[in-house]
Amino acid sequence: MGIAVLARHPSMEAVVFDQPAVVNVTEEFIAEYGLSDRMTTIGGDYLNGPIGGGYDLVLASCTLNFARDCMDKMVKKIYDALNPGGVFVSLHDGMCDEGTAPVVHVLNMMSSALSGYNCSLRKGLIANAMLNAGFRSVRSQPVRLDVGLFDMDIARKAPRTED
């Protein structure tokens, strides 16, 4: 997703954060698309380690499920990594109806749930964590993708105040 955004916006730079085992493959794709001068990678464990900082935008696309049980802490880490006025966008499943909808997410999460690891996110969990972290504004909306309905939460950090 980052490659697609940078390819369309030549003035932007990006950092892709992923698991250390995946970063080498990510770097190969970045080089293949000729974006090595504007896109770098960080490999790590975003739950327990640093995620970098000085960002104007953080996009978490279907990845915060692993932070389900520590969402307030994770979103606060993202808040702290953003510059004043920065934006955090999360695209994710938003389970509702006691975890029975949307059906596409129920089916996607079923094998994990049956093995004892429930990583589905209930509707509103991330938006509430955004408010708890101190974001100035939070907006939520459904987004229909070709694979089904997702939730998108968008939060903006307050700009730096003038002295």
N, C-alpha and C. Protein backbone atom coordinates (compact mmCIF):
# COMPACT_ATOMS: atom_id res chain seq x y z
N MET A 1 0.82 -1.18 0.00
CA MET A 1 0.00 0.00 0.00
C MET A 1 0.87 1.25 0.00
N GLY A 2 1.95 1.23 0.77
CA GLY A 2 2.86 2.36 0.81
C GLY A 2 3.52 2.63 -0.52
N ILE A 3 3.88 1.57 -1.23
CA ILE A 3 4.48 1.71 -2.55
C ILE A 3 3.50 2.40 -3.49
N ALA A 4 2.24 2.01 -3.45
CA ALA A 4 1.23 2.61 -4.33
C ALA A 4 1.06 4.10 -4.02
N VAL A 5 1.06 4.46 -2.75
CA VAL A 5 0.89 5.87 -2.36
C VAL A 5 2.10 6.68 -2.82
N LEU A 6 3.31 6.19 -2.52
CA LEU A 6 4.51 6.94 -2.90
C LEU A 6 4.66 7.07 -4.41
N ALA A 7 4.27 6.07 -5.16
CA ALA A 7 4.37 6.13 -6.61
C ALA A 7 3.51 7.26 -7.17
N ARG A 8 2.44 7.60 -6.48
CA ARG A 8 1.53 8.65 -6.95
C ARG A 8 1.84 10.04 -6.37
N HIS A 9 2.70 10.08 -5.35
CA HIS A 9 3.00 11.34 -4.68
C HIS A 9 4.52 11.50 -4.55
N PRO A 10 5.17 12.08 -5.55
CA PRO A 10 6.63 12.16 -5.59
C PRO A 10 7.27 12.96 -4.46
N SER A 11 6.52 13.79 -3.77
CA SER A 11 7.12 14.59 -2.70
C SER A 11 7.12 13.86 -1.35
N MET A 12 6.48 12.72 -1.28
CA MET A 12 6.37 12.00 -0.01
C MET A 12 7.53 11.04 0.22
N GLU A 13 7.78 10.78 1.50
CA GLU A 13 8.73 9.74 1.93
C GLU A 13 7.97 8.83 2.88
N ALA A 14 8.44 7.60 3.04
CA ALA A 14 7.72 6.66 3.89
C ALA A 14 8.67 5.70 4.58
N VAL A 15 8.18 5.17 5.68
CA VAL A 15 8.84 4.10 6.42
C VAL A 15 7.84 2.97 6.53
N VAL A 16 8.27 1.76 6.16
CA VAL A 16 7.43 0.58 6.32
C VAL A 16 7.94 -0.17 7.54
N PHE A 17 7.05 -0.40 8.50
CA PHE A 17 7.40 -1.14 9.71
C PHE A 17 6.80 -2.53 9.58
N ASP A 18 7.63 -3.55 9.73
CA ASP A 18 7.13 -4.92 9.62
C ASP A 18 8.01 -5.84 10.44
N GLN A 19 7.64 -7.10 10.45
CA GLN A 19 8.41 -8.10 11.17
C GLN A 19 9.79 -8.23 10.53
N PRO A 20 10.82 -8.46 11.34
CA PRO A 20 12.18 -8.54 10.79
C PRO A 20 12.32 -9.56 9.65
N ALA A 21 11.62 -10.68 9.73
CA ALA A 21 11.73 -11.70 8.68
C ALA A 21 11.14 -11.25 7.36
N VAL A 22 10.29 -10.24 7.36
CA VAL A 22 9.61 -9.77 6.16
C VAL A 22 10.31 -8.57 5.53
N VAL A 23 11.08 -7.85 6.30
CA VAL A 23 11.68 -6.60 5.83
C VAL A 23 12.53 -6.78 4.59
N ASN A 24 13.29 -7.86 4.49
CA ASN A 24 14.12 -8.07 3.30
C ASN A 24 13.28 -8.16 2.04
N VAL A 25 12.16 -8.83 2.10
CA VAL A 25 11.27 -8.94 0.95
C VAL A 25 10.68 -7.57 0.63
N THR A 26 10.29 -6.83 1.68
CA THR A 26 9.77 -5.47 1.49
C THR A 26 10.79 -4.60 0.77
N GLU A 27 12.05 -4.69 1.18
CA GLU A 27 13.10 -3.89 0.54
C GLU A 27 13.28 -4.27 -0.93
N GLU A 28 13.11 -5.54 -1.26
CA GLU A 28 13.19 -5.96 -2.66
C GLU A 28 12.08 -5.32 -3.49
N PHE A 29 10.86 -5.28 -2.94
CA PHE A 29 9.75 -4.65 -3.66
C PHE A 29 9.98 -3.15 -3.81
N ILE A 30 10.48 -2.52 -2.76
CA ILE A 30 10.76 -1.08 -2.81
C ILE A 30 11.76 -0.79 -3.91
N ALA A 31 12.82 -1.59 -3.99
CA ALA A 31 13.84 -1.40 -5.04
C ALA A 31 13.26 -1.66 -6.42
N GLU A 32 12.44 -2.70 -6.53
CA GLU A 32 11.83 -3.03 -7.82
C GLU A 32 11.00 -1.87 -8.36
N TYR A 33 10.35 -1.13 -7.48
CA TYR A 33 9.52 0.00 -7.91
C TYR A 33 10.30 1.32 -7.93
N GLY A 34 11.60 1.25 -7.69
CA GLY A 34 12.45 2.44 -7.79
C GLY A 34 12.20 3.47 -6.71
N LEU A 35 11.86 3.02 -5.53
CA LEU A 35 11.53 3.95 -4.45
C LEU A 35 12.51 3.91 -3.28
N SER A 36 13.66 3.28 -3.47
CA SER A 36 14.63 3.14 -2.37
C SER A 36 15.12 4.47 -1.83
N ASP A 37 15.07 5.52 -2.64
CA ASP A 37 15.52 6.84 -2.19
C ASP A 37 14.48 7.54 -1.31
N ARG A 38 13.22 7.04 -1.32
CA ARG A 38 12.16 7.71 -0.54
C ARG A 38 11.45 6.79 0.44
N MET A 39 11.77 5.51 0.44
CA MET A 39 11.08 4.57 1.31
C MET A 39 12.10 3.68 2.02
N THR A 40 12.02 3.66 3.33
CA THR A 40 12.91 2.83 4.13
C THR A 40 12.08 1.84 4.94
N THR A 41 12.77 0.95 5.62
CA THR A 41 12.08 -0.06 6.42
C THR A 41 12.63 -0.09 7.85
N ILE A 42 11.77 -0.52 8.74
CA ILE A 42 12.17 -0.82 10.12
C ILE A 42 11.59 -2.19 10.42
N GLY A 43 12.44 -3.08 10.89
CA GLY A 43 11.98 -4.40 11.31
C GLY A 43 11.95 -4.46 12.82
N GLY A 44 10.87 -4.99 13.35
CA GLY A 44 10.79 -5.08 14.80
C GLY A 44 9.46 -5.63 15.27
N ASP A 45 9.29 -5.55 16.56
CA ASP A 45 8.06 -5.99 17.23
C ASP A 45 7.35 -4.73 17.71
N TYR A 46 6.34 -4.30 16.96
CA TYR A 46 5.70 -3.04 17.29
C TYR A 46 4.98 -3.06 18.63
N LEU A 47 4.67 -4.23 19.14
CA LEU A 47 4.01 -4.30 20.44
C LEU A 47 4.97 -3.96 21.58
N ASN A 48 6.23 -4.40 21.46
CA ASN A 48 7.16 -4.28 22.58
C ASN A 48 8.35 -3.37 22.33
N GLY A 49 8.61 -3.02 21.08
CA GLY A 49 9.77 -2.21 20.78
C GLY A 49 9.39 -0.85 20.23
N PRO A 50 10.40 -0.03 19.92
CA PRO A 50 10.13 1.30 19.36
C PRO A 50 9.63 1.20 17.92
N ILE A 51 8.87 2.21 17.51
CA ILE A 51 8.34 2.24 16.14
C ILE A 51 8.87 3.45 15.36
N GLY A 52 9.81 4.16 15.93
CA GLY A 52 10.32 5.36 15.26
C GLY A 52 9.46 6.55 15.63
N GLY A 53 9.69 7.66 14.96
CA GLY A 53 8.93 8.86 15.28
C GLY A 53 9.13 9.94 14.24
N GLY A 54 8.49 11.07 14.50
CA GLY A 54 8.57 12.19 13.57
C GLY A 54 7.70 12.01 12.35
N TYR A 55 6.63 11.25 12.48
CA TYR A 55 5.75 10.94 11.35
C TYR A 55 4.62 11.97 11.22
N ASP A 56 4.26 12.26 9.99
CA ASP A 56 3.08 13.08 9.71
C ASP A 56 1.84 12.21 9.56
N LEU A 57 2.05 10.96 9.17
CA LEU A 57 0.94 10.02 8.97
C LEU A 57 1.39 8.63 9.38
N VAL A 58 0.53 7.95 10.12
CA VAL A 58 0.72 6.53 10.40
C VAL A 58 -0.50 5.82 9.85
N LEU A 59 -0.27 4.84 8.98
CA LEU A 59 -1.33 4.03 8.41
C LEU A 59 -1.15 2.61 8.91
N ALA A 60 -2.13 2.10 9.61
CA ALA A 60 -2.12 0.71 10.08
C ALA A 60 -3.23 -0.01 9.32
N SER A 61 -2.84 -0.86 8.40
CA SER A 61 -3.80 -1.55 7.56
C SER A 61 -3.91 -3.01 7.98
N CYS A 62 -4.99 -3.31 8.68
CA CYS A 62 -5.30 -4.69 9.08
C CYS A 62 -4.16 -5.35 9.85
N THR A 63 -3.56 -4.60 10.78
CA THR A 63 -2.45 -5.15 11.55
C THR A 63 -2.61 -5.01 13.06
N LEU A 64 -3.50 -4.14 13.51
CA LEU A 64 -3.60 -3.90 14.95
C LEU A 64 -4.33 -5.00 15.70
N ASN A 65 -4.77 -6.04 15.00
CA ASN A 65 -5.42 -7.16 15.67
C ASN A 65 -4.51 -7.78 16.73
N PHE A 66 -3.22 -7.75 16.48
CA PHE A 66 -2.27 -8.34 17.42
C PHE A 66 -2.12 -7.48 18.68
N ALA A 67 -2.58 -6.25 18.63
CA ALA A 67 -2.53 -5.35 19.79
C ALA A 67 -3.87 -5.28 20.50
N ARG A 68 -4.76 -6.19 20.17
CA ARG A 68 -6.12 -6.15 20.71
C ARG A 68 -6.16 -6.02 22.23
N ASP A 69 -5.31 -6.75 22.91
CA ASP A 69 -5.34 -6.76 24.38
C ASP A 69 -4.52 -5.64 25.01
N CYS A 70 -3.87 -4.83 24.19
CA CYS A 70 -3.11 -3.69 24.71
C CYS A 70 -3.31 -2.47 23.80
N MET A 71 -4.54 -2.31 23.31
CA MET A 71 -4.81 -1.28 22.30
C MET A 71 -4.53 0.13 22.80
N ASP A 72 -4.91 0.46 24.03
CA ASP A 72 -4.64 1.80 24.53
C ASP A 72 -3.15 2.10 24.52
N LYS A 73 -2.34 1.15 24.95
CA LYS A 73 -0.89 1.32 24.98
C LYS A 73 -0.34 1.47 23.55
N MET A 74 -0.84 0.66 22.63
CA MET A 74 -0.35 0.71 21.24
C MET A 74 -0.71 2.03 20.58
N VAL A 75 -1.94 2.46 20.74
CA VAL A 75 -2.36 3.71 20.10
C VAL A 75 -1.65 4.90 20.73
N LYS A 76 -1.35 4.85 22.01
CA LYS A 76 -0.58 5.92 22.65
C LYS A 76 0.84 5.97 22.06
N LYS A 77 1.40 4.81 21.78
CA LYS A 77 2.73 4.76 21.15
C LYS A 77 2.69 5.42 19.77
N ILE A 78 1.62 5.16 19.03
CA ILE A 78 1.45 5.79 17.71
C ILE A 78 1.27 7.29 17.87
N TYR A 79 0.46 7.70 18.82
CA TYR A 79 0.24 9.12 19.11
C TYR A 79 1.58 9.82 19.37
N ASP A 80 2.41 9.20 20.21
CA ASP A 80 3.71 9.79 20.56
C ASP A 80 4.66 9.84 19.37
N ALA A 81 4.49 8.94 18.40
CA ALA A 81 5.37 8.89 17.22
C ALA A 81 4.99 9.94 16.17
N LEU A 82 3.81 10.51 16.29
CA LEU A 82 3.34 11.50 15.32
C LEU A 82 3.82 12.90 15.65
N ASN A 83 4.08 13.67 14.61
CA ASN A 83 4.35 15.10 14.77
C ASN A 83 3.06 15.80 15.19
N PRO A 84 3.15 16.99 15.77
CA PRO A 84 1.94 17.77 16.03
C PRO A 84 1.15 17.95 14.73
N GLY A 85 -0.15 17.78 14.79
CA GLY A 85 -0.99 17.87 13.61
C GLY A 85 -1.01 16.60 12.78
N GLY A 86 -0.26 15.57 13.21
CA GLY A 86 -0.18 14.32 12.47
C GLY A 86 -1.49 13.53 12.48
N VAL A 87 -1.60 12.61 11.55
CA VAL A 87 -2.82 11.84 11.36
C VAL A 87 -2.52 10.35 11.49
N PHE A 88 -3.40 9.65 12.17
CA PHE A 88 -3.34 8.20 12.30
C PHE A 88 -4.58 7.61 11.66
N VAL A 89 -4.38 6.70 10.69
CA VAL A 89 -5.48 6.04 10.00
C VAL A 89 -5.35 4.54 10.25
N SER A 90 -6.44 3.95 10.72
CA SER A 90 -6.48 2.51 10.93
C SER A 90 -7.59 1.91 10.08
N LEU A 91 -7.23 0.94 9.26
CA LEU A 91 -8.19 0.18 8.47
C LEU A 91 -8.21 -1.21 9.09
N HIS A 92 -9.40 -1.70 9.48
CA HIS A 92 -9.46 -2.94 10.24
C HIS A 92 -10.86 -3.54 10.20
N ASP A 93 -10.93 -4.79 10.66
CA ASP A 93 -12.24 -5.39 10.85
C ASP A 93 -12.91 -4.68 12.03
N GLY A 94 -14.20 -4.63 12.01
CA GLY A 94 -14.94 -4.04 13.12
C GLY A 94 -16.09 -4.98 13.44
N MET A 95 -15.81 -5.95 14.27
CA MET A 95 -16.81 -6.98 14.58
C MET A 95 -17.96 -6.37 15.37
N CYS A 96 -19.15 -6.80 15.05
CA CYS A 96 -20.34 -6.35 15.76
C CYS A 96 -21.32 -7.51 15.89
N ASP A 97 -22.49 -7.23 16.41
CA ASP A 97 -23.51 -8.27 16.61
C ASP A 97 -22.93 -9.45 17.38
N GLU A 98 -22.28 -9.13 18.50
CA GLU A 98 -21.68 -10.14 19.38
C GLU A 98 -20.66 -11.02 18.65
N GLY A 99 -19.93 -10.43 17.71
CA GLY A 99 -18.89 -11.15 17.00
C GLY A 99 -19.37 -12.00 15.85
N THR A 100 -20.58 -11.76 15.37
CA THR A 100 -21.13 -12.57 14.27
C THR A 100 -21.18 -11.82 12.94
N ALA A 101 -20.71 -10.60 12.89
CA ALA A 101 -20.73 -9.81 11.66
C ALA A 101 -19.57 -8.82 11.69
N PRO A 102 -19.12 -8.39 10.55
CA PRO A 102 -19.42 -8.82 9.19
C PRO A 102 -18.92 -10.24 8.93
N VAL A 103 -19.67 -10.97 8.13
CA VAL A 103 -19.41 -12.38 7.90
C VAL A 103 -18.00 -12.61 7.36
N VAL A 104 -17.52 -11.76 6.46
CA VAL A 104 -16.19 -11.95 5.88
C VAL A 104 -15.12 -12.01 6.97
N HIS A 105 -15.26 -11.18 8.01
CA HIS A 105 -14.27 -11.17 9.09
C HIS A 105 -14.45 -12.37 10.02
N VAL A 106 -15.69 -12.76 10.25
CA VAL A 106 -15.93 -13.95 11.08
C VAL A 106 -15.24 -15.14 10.43
N LEU A 107 -15.42 -15.30 9.14
CA LEU A 107 -14.79 -16.43 8.44
C LEU A 107 -13.27 -16.32 8.43
N ASN A 108 -12.74 -15.11 8.21
CA ASN A 108 -11.28 -14.93 8.21
C ASN A 108 -10.64 -15.23 9.55
N MET A 109 -11.34 -14.93 10.63
CA MET A 109 -10.79 -15.11 11.97
C MET A 109 -11.12 -16.48 12.57
N MET A 110 -11.92 -17.26 11.88
CA MET A 110 -12.42 -18.50 12.47
C MET A 110 -11.31 -19.47 12.86
N SER A 111 -10.32 -19.69 12.01
CA SER A 111 -9.28 -20.66 12.36
C SER A 111 -8.51 -20.22 13.60
N SER A 112 -8.22 -18.93 13.71
CA SER A 112 -7.54 -18.43 14.92
C SER A 112 -8.42 -18.59 16.15
N ALA A 113 -9.69 -18.23 16.01
CA ALA A 113 -10.61 -18.33 17.15
C ALA A 113 -10.78 -19.78 17.60
N LEU A 114 -10.87 -20.70 16.64
CA LEU A 114 -11.04 -22.11 17.00
C LEU A 114 -9.79 -22.69 17.65
N SER A 115 -8.64 -22.11 17.38
CA SER A 115 -7.41 -22.57 18.01
C SER A 115 -7.15 -21.88 19.35
N GLY A 116 -8.08 -21.03 19.77
CA GLY A 116 -7.98 -20.38 21.08
C GLY A 116 -7.40 -18.98 21.06
N TYR A 117 -7.12 -18.44 19.90
CA TYR A 117 -6.57 -17.10 19.80
C TYR A 117 -7.56 -16.21 19.06
N ASN A 118 -8.31 -15.43 19.81
CA ASN A 118 -9.27 -14.53 19.21
C ASN A 118 -8.62 -13.17 19.03
N CYS A 119 -8.37 -12.78 17.79
CA CYS A 119 -7.72 -11.50 17.53
C CYS A 119 -8.64 -10.53 16.79
N SER A 120 -9.93 -10.82 16.77
CA SER A 120 -10.86 -9.91 16.10
C SER A 120 -11.03 -8.64 16.93
N LEU A 121 -11.33 -7.56 16.24
CA LEU A 121 -11.49 -6.26 16.90
C LEU A 121 -12.95 -5.85 16.88
N ARG A 122 -13.48 -5.55 18.03
CA ARG A 122 -14.87 -5.11 18.07
C ARG A 122 -14.97 -3.67 17.58
N LYS A 123 -16.07 -3.39 16.93
CA LYS A 123 -16.33 -2.04 16.40
C LYS A 123 -16.16 -1.01 17.52
N GLY A 124 -15.39 0.02 17.24
CA GLY A 124 -15.19 1.11 18.20
C GLY A 124 -13.96 0.97 19.08
N LEU A 125 -13.33 -0.19 19.13
CA LEU A 125 -12.18 -0.40 20.02
C LEU A 125 -11.05 0.57 19.69
N ILE A 126 -10.67 0.68 18.43
CA ILE A 126 -9.56 1.54 18.05
C ILE A 126 -9.94 3.01 18.18
N ALA A 127 -11.14 3.37 17.79
CA ALA A 127 -11.59 4.77 17.92
C ALA A 127 -11.56 5.20 19.39
N ASN A 128 -12.00 4.35 20.29
CA ASN A 128 -11.96 4.68 21.71
C ASN A 128 -10.52 4.82 22.21
N ALA A 129 -9.63 3.95 21.73
CA ALA A 129 -8.22 4.04 22.12
C ALA A 129 -7.61 5.34 21.60
N MET A 130 -8.04 5.78 20.42
CA MET A 130 -7.56 7.05 19.87
C MET A 130 -7.96 8.22 20.78
N LEU A 131 -9.18 8.21 21.23
CA LEU A 131 -9.64 9.26 22.15
C LEU A 131 -8.88 9.18 23.47
N ASN A 132 -8.69 7.97 23.98
CA ASN A 132 -7.96 7.79 25.24
C ASN A 132 -6.51 8.27 25.14
N ALA A 133 -5.92 8.16 23.95
CA ALA A 133 -4.52 8.56 23.75
C ALA A 133 -4.36 10.07 23.69
N GLY A 134 -5.46 10.79 23.45
CA GLY A 134 -5.38 12.26 23.41
C GLY A 134 -5.54 12.89 22.04
N PHE A 135 -5.91 12.09 21.03
CA PHE A 135 -6.12 12.69 19.72
C PHE A 135 -7.20 13.75 19.80
N ARG A 136 -7.00 14.84 19.05
CA ARG A 136 -7.92 15.96 19.08
C ARG A 136 -9.25 15.63 18.43
N SER A 137 -9.21 14.87 17.33
CA SER A 137 -10.45 14.50 16.67
C SER A 137 -10.35 13.06 16.18
N VAL A 138 -11.47 12.38 16.17
CA VAL A 138 -11.55 11.00 15.70
C VAL A 138 -12.80 10.87 14.85
N ARG A 139 -12.63 10.30 13.68
CA ARG A 139 -13.76 10.05 12.78
C ARG A 139 -13.73 8.59 12.36
N SER A 140 -14.89 7.95 12.36
CA SER A 140 -14.99 6.55 11.95
C SER A 140 -15.97 6.43 10.81
N GLN A 141 -15.65 5.54 9.88
CA GLN A 141 -16.57 5.31 8.78
C GLN A 141 -16.35 3.90 8.22
N PRO A 142 -17.41 3.32 7.69
CA PRO A 142 -17.24 2.02 7.02
C PRO A 142 -16.64 2.23 5.64
N VAL A 143 -15.84 1.26 5.20
CA VAL A 143 -15.22 1.29 3.88
C VAL A 143 -15.47 -0.07 3.23
N ARG A 144 -16.08 -0.04 2.07
CA ARG A 144 -16.31 -1.29 1.35
C ARG A 144 -15.17 -1.51 0.36
N LEU A 145 -14.43 -2.57 0.59
CA LEU A 145 -13.36 -2.97 -0.32
C LEU A 145 -13.84 -4.18 -1.11
N ASP A 146 -13.07 -4.58 -2.09
CA ASP A 146 -13.51 -5.72 -2.91
C ASP A 146 -13.61 -7.01 -2.12
N VAL A 147 -13.00 -7.07 -0.95
CA VAL A 147 -13.08 -8.28 -0.11
C VAL A 147 -14.12 -8.16 1.01
N GLY A 148 -14.80 -7.02 1.10
CA GLY A 148 -15.83 -6.87 2.12
C GLY A 148 -15.78 -5.54 2.83
N LEU A 149 -16.57 -5.45 3.89
CA LEU A 149 -16.73 -4.22 4.66
C LEU A 149 -15.67 -4.13 5.76
N PHE A 150 -15.02 -2.98 5.85
CA PHE A 150 -14.02 -2.71 6.88
C PHE A 150 -14.38 -1.42 7.60
N ASP A 151 -13.78 -1.22 8.76
CA ASP A 151 -13.91 0.04 9.48
C ASP A 151 -12.64 0.85 9.23
N MET A 152 -12.80 2.15 9.11
CA MET A 152 -11.66 3.04 9.02
C MET A 152 -11.84 4.12 10.08
N ASP A 153 -10.86 4.21 10.97
CA ASP A 153 -10.84 5.23 12.00
C ASP A 153 -9.70 6.19 11.67
N ILE A 154 -10.01 7.49 11.70
CA ILE A 154 -9.04 8.53 11.36
C ILE A 154 -8.94 9.48 12.55
N ALA A 155 -7.72 9.66 13.05
CA ALA A 155 -7.51 10.54 14.20
C ALA A 155 -6.46 11.59 13.86
N ARG A 156 -6.68 12.78 14.38
CA ARG A 156 -5.71 13.87 14.16
C ARG A 156 -5.20 14.36 15.51
N LYS A 157 -3.88 14.47 15.57
CA LYS A 157 -3.23 15.01 16.76
C LYS A 157 -3.30 16.53 16.69
N ALA A 158 -3.48 17.17 17.81
CA ALA A 158 -3.54 18.63 17.83
C ALA A 158 -2.24 19.23 17.29
N PRO A 159 -2.35 20.34 16.56
CA PRO A 159 -1.13 21.00 16.08
C PRO A 159 -0.39 21.63 17.25
N ARG A 160 0.89 21.92 17.02
CA ARG A 160 1.70 22.58 18.04
C ARG A 160 1.10 23.96 18.31
N THR A 161 0.98 24.30 19.56
CA THR A 161 0.43 25.61 19.91
C THR A 161 1.53 26.67 19.81
N GLU A 162 1.15 27.85 19.40
CA GLU A 162 2.09 28.97 19.30
C GLU A 162 2.33 29.56 20.69
N ASP A 163 3.57 29.88 21.00
CA ASP A 163 3.90 30.51 22.29
C ASP A 163 3.80 32.00 22.22
